[in-house]
C-alpha atoms as a PDB file:
ATOM      1  CA  UNK A   1      91.655  85.115  70.038  1.00  0.00           C
ATOM      2  CA  UNK A   2      93.449  88.302  70.132  1.00  0.00           C
ATOM      3  CA  UNK A   3      94.916  88.385  73.287  1.00  0.00           C
ATOM      4  CA  UNK A   4      96.200  84.783  73.115  1.00  0.00           C
ATOM      5  CA  UNK A   5      97.730  86.174  70.010  1.00  0.00           C
ATOM      6  CA  UNK A   6      99.451  88.541  71.148  1.00  0.00           C
ATOM      7  CA  UNK A   7     100.628  86.433  74.727  1.00  0.00           C
ATOM      8  CA  UNK A   8     102.410  83.818  72.886  1.00  0.00           C
ATOM      9  CA  UNK A   9     105.529  85.484  72.001  1.00  0.00           C
ATOM     10  CA  UNK A  10     105.482  86.669  74.667  1.00  0.00           C
ATOM     11  CA  UNK A  11     105.618  83.551  76.624  1.00  0.00           C
ATOM     12  CA  UNK A  12     108.056  81.933  74.004  1.00  0.00           C
ATOM     13  CA  UNK A  13     110.400  85.035  75.378  1.00  0.00           C
ATOM     14  CA  UNK A  14     110.281  84.358  78.170  1.00  0.00           C
ATOM     15  CA  UNK A  15     111.070  80.494  78.150  1.00  0.00           C
ATOM     16  CA  UNK A  16     113.904  81.184  76.383  1.00  0.00           C
ATOM     17  CA  UNK A  17     115.036  84.007  78.566  1.00  0.00           C
ATOM     18  CA  UNK A  18     114.995  81.442  81.154  1.00  0.00           C
ATOM     19  CA  UNK A  19     117.027  78.673  79.577  1.00  0.00           C
ATOM     20  CA  UNK A  20     119.362  81.341  78.759  1.00  0.00           C
ATOM     21  CA  UNK A  21     119.623  82.736  82.345  1.00  0.00           C
ATOM     22  CA  UNK A  22     120.160  79.018  83.886  1.00  0.00           C
ATOM     23  CA  UNK A  23     123.429  78.997  81.550  1.00  0.00           C
ATOM     24  CA  UNK A  24     124.889  82.173  83.617  1.00  0.00           C
ATOM     25  CA  UNK A  25     126.926  82.516  87.003  1.00  0.00           C
ATOM     26  CA  UNK A  26     123.366  83.022  89.990  1.00  0.00           C
ATOM     27  CA  UNK A  27     125.397  86.102  90.633  1.00  0.00           C
ATOM     28  CA  UNK A  28     125.800  87.417  87.411  1.00  0.00           C
ATOM     29  CA  UNK A  29     122.067  86.668  86.741  1.00  0.00           C
ATOM     30  CA  UNK A  30     121.214  88.014  89.741  1.00  0.00           C
ATOM     31  CA  UNK A  31     122.301  91.377  88.789  1.00  0.00           C
ATOM     32  CA  UNK A  32     121.030  91.059  84.794  1.00  0.00           C
ATOM     33  CA  UNK A  33     117.828  91.090  86.775  1.00  0.00           C
ATOM     34  CA  UNK A  34     117.920  93.372  89.400  1.00  0.00           C
ATOM     35  CA  UNK A  35     119.222  96.466  86.788  1.00  0.00           C
ATOM     36  CA  UNK A  36     116.936  95.337  84.152  1.00  0.00           C
ATOM     37  CA  UNK A  37     113.909  96.113  87.367  1.00  0.00           C
ATOM     38  CA  UNK A  38     115.337  99.322  87.993  1.00  0.00           C
ATOM     39  CA  UNK A  39     115.977 100.815  84.370  1.00  0.00           C
ATOM     40  CA  UNK A  40     111.780  99.544  83.912  1.00  0.00           C
ATOM     41  CA  UNK A  41     111.564 101.658  87.135  1.00  0.00           C
ATOM     42  CA  UNK A  42     113.217 104.425  85.427  1.00  0.00           C
ATOM     43  CA  UNK A  43     111.115 104.164  82.428  1.00  0.00           C
ATOM     44  CA  UNK A  44     107.819 104.007  84.289  1.00  0.00           C
ATOM     45  CA  UNK A  45     108.370 106.850  86.709  1.00  0.00           C
ATOM     46  CA  UNK A  46     109.576 108.866  83.772  1.00  0.00           C
ATOM     47  CA  UNK A  47     106.448 108.235  82.358  1.00  0.00           C
ATOM     48  CA  UNK A  48     104.432 109.170  85.408  1.00  0.00           C
ATOM     49  CA  UNK A  49     106.319 112.463  85.823  1.00  0.00           C
ATOM     50  CA  UNK A  50     104.885 113.679  82.830  1.00  0.00           C
ATOM     51  CA  UNK A  51     101.096 112.314  83.691  1.00  0.00           C
ATOM     52  CA  UNK A  52     101.366 114.356  86.921  1.00  0.00           C
ATOM     53  CA  UNK A  53     103.252 117.083  85.189  1.00  0.00           C
ATOM     54  CA  UNK A  54     100.255 118.405  84.407  1.00  0.00           C
ATOM     55  CA  UNK A  55      98.554 118.562  87.703  1.00  0.00           C
ATOM     56  CA  UNK A  56      98.248 121.480  90.248  1.00  0.00           C
ATOM     57  CA  UNK A  57      98.250 120.965  94.249  1.00  0.00           C
ATOM     58  CA  UNK A  58      95.067 121.512  95.726  1.00  0.00           C
ATOM     59  CA  UNK A  59      95.141 125.061  97.409  1.00  0.00           C
ATOM     60  CA  UNK A  60      92.553 124.136 100.070  1.00  0.00           C
ATOM     61  CA  UNK A  61      93.883 120.709 101.523  1.00  0.00           C
ATOM     62  CA  UNK A  62      97.014 120.141  99.050  1.00  0.00           C
ATOM     63  CA  UNK A  63     100.369 120.118 100.537  1.00  0.00           C
ATOM     64  CA  UNK A  64     101.579 122.807  98.510  1.00  0.00           C
ATOM     65  CA  UNK A  65     105.181 123.618  98.069  1.00  0.00           C
ATOM     66  CA  UNK A  66     106.013 120.561 100.266  1.00  0.00           C
ATOM     67  CA  UNK A  67     103.996 118.110  97.759  1.00  0.00           C
ATOM     68  CA  UNK A  68     105.354 119.931  94.714  1.00  0.00           C
ATOM     69  CA  UNK A  69     108.774 119.514  96.234  1.00  0.00           C
ATOM     70  CA  UNK A  70     108.519 115.403  97.108  1.00  0.00           C
ATOM     71  CA  UNK A  71     106.069 115.146  93.757  1.00  0.00           C
ATOM     72  CA  UNK A  72     108.914 113.536  92.367  1.00  0.00           C
ATOM     73  CA  UNK A  73     110.141 111.255  95.026  1.00  0.00           C
ATOM     74  CA  UNK A  74     106.677 109.603  95.053  1.00  0.00           C
ATOM     75  CA  UNK A  75     106.418 109.906  91.790  1.00  0.00           C
ATOM     76  CA  UNK A  76     109.497 107.349  92.106  1.00  0.00           C
ATOM     77  CA  UNK A  77     108.481 105.070  94.348  1.00  0.00           C
ATOM     78  CA  UNK A  78     105.753 104.480  92.301  1.00  0.00           C
ATOM     79  CA  UNK A  79     108.072 103.853  89.268  1.00  0.00           C
ATOM     80  CA  UNK A  80     109.769 101.289  91.532  1.00  0.00           C
ATOM     81  CA  UNK A  81     106.871  99.696  92.853  1.00  0.00           C
ATOM     82  CA  UNK A  82     105.371  99.239  90.201  1.00  0.00           C
ATOM     83  CA  UNK A  83     107.960  97.576  88.249  1.00  0.00           C
ATOM     84  CA  UNK A  84     108.464  95.089  91.055  1.00  0.00           C
ATOM     85  CA  UNK A  85     105.628  93.596  90.163  1.00  0.00           C
ATOM     86  CA  UNK A  86     104.395  92.339  86.561  1.00  0.00           C
ATOM     87  CA  UNK A  87     105.300  95.734  85.605  1.00  0.00           C
ATOM     88  CA  UNK A  88     104.919  96.785  81.736  1.00  0.00           C
ATOM     89  CA  UNK A  89     107.009  94.135  80.636  1.00  0.00           C
ATOM     90  CA  UNK A  90     109.164  96.212  79.367  1.00  0.00           C
ATOM     91  CA  UNK A  91     112.070  94.144  82.207  1.00  0.00           C
ATOM     92  CA  UNK A  92     111.556  90.867  80.743  1.00  0.00           C
ATOM     93  CA  UNK A  93     113.312  92.003  76.870  1.00  0.00           C
ATOM     94  CA  UNK A  94     115.601  94.173  78.769  1.00  0.00           C
ATOM     95  CA  UNK A  95     116.356  91.395  80.481  1.00  0.00           C
ATOM     96  CA  UNK A  96     116.918  88.619  77.211  1.00  0.00           C
ATOM     97  CA  UNK A  97     118.892  91.698  75.540  1.00  0.00           C
ATOM     98  CA  UNK A  98     121.707  92.176  78.372  1.00  0.00           C
ATOM     99  CA  UNK A  99     121.863  88.195  78.377  1.00  0.00           C
ATOM    100  CA  UNK A 100     122.227  88.121  74.412  1.00  0.00           C
ATOM    101  CA  UNK A 101     125.044  90.507  74.647  1.00  0.00           C
ATOM    102  CA  UNK A 102     126.927  88.792  77.771  1.00  0.00           C
ATOM    103  CA  UNK A 103     126.556  85.429  75.441  1.00  0.00           C
ATOM    104  CA  UNK A 104     127.641  87.501  71.915  1.00  0.00           C
END
């Protein structure tokens, strides 16, 4: 019962956002969608970077200094990939807010 109570406002916000998106020109709607996904990806990457900051490189089988150097790029890719799927739901909220700002 608790999960249904939490998902109902999210569904209503998505439907409201979808109806407002229909009023925007397609090019502007696509730009807003892309920007919201990119922002969510950056946010997720920042959260993951803090998670990986305490992980040491394995001295026996790790990649050494190369692994340390390229870890930030890997974390950025993780963030992008997570945001391309359902993500955290942050992208939908950002999109909704951007649409509201465009229409006010």
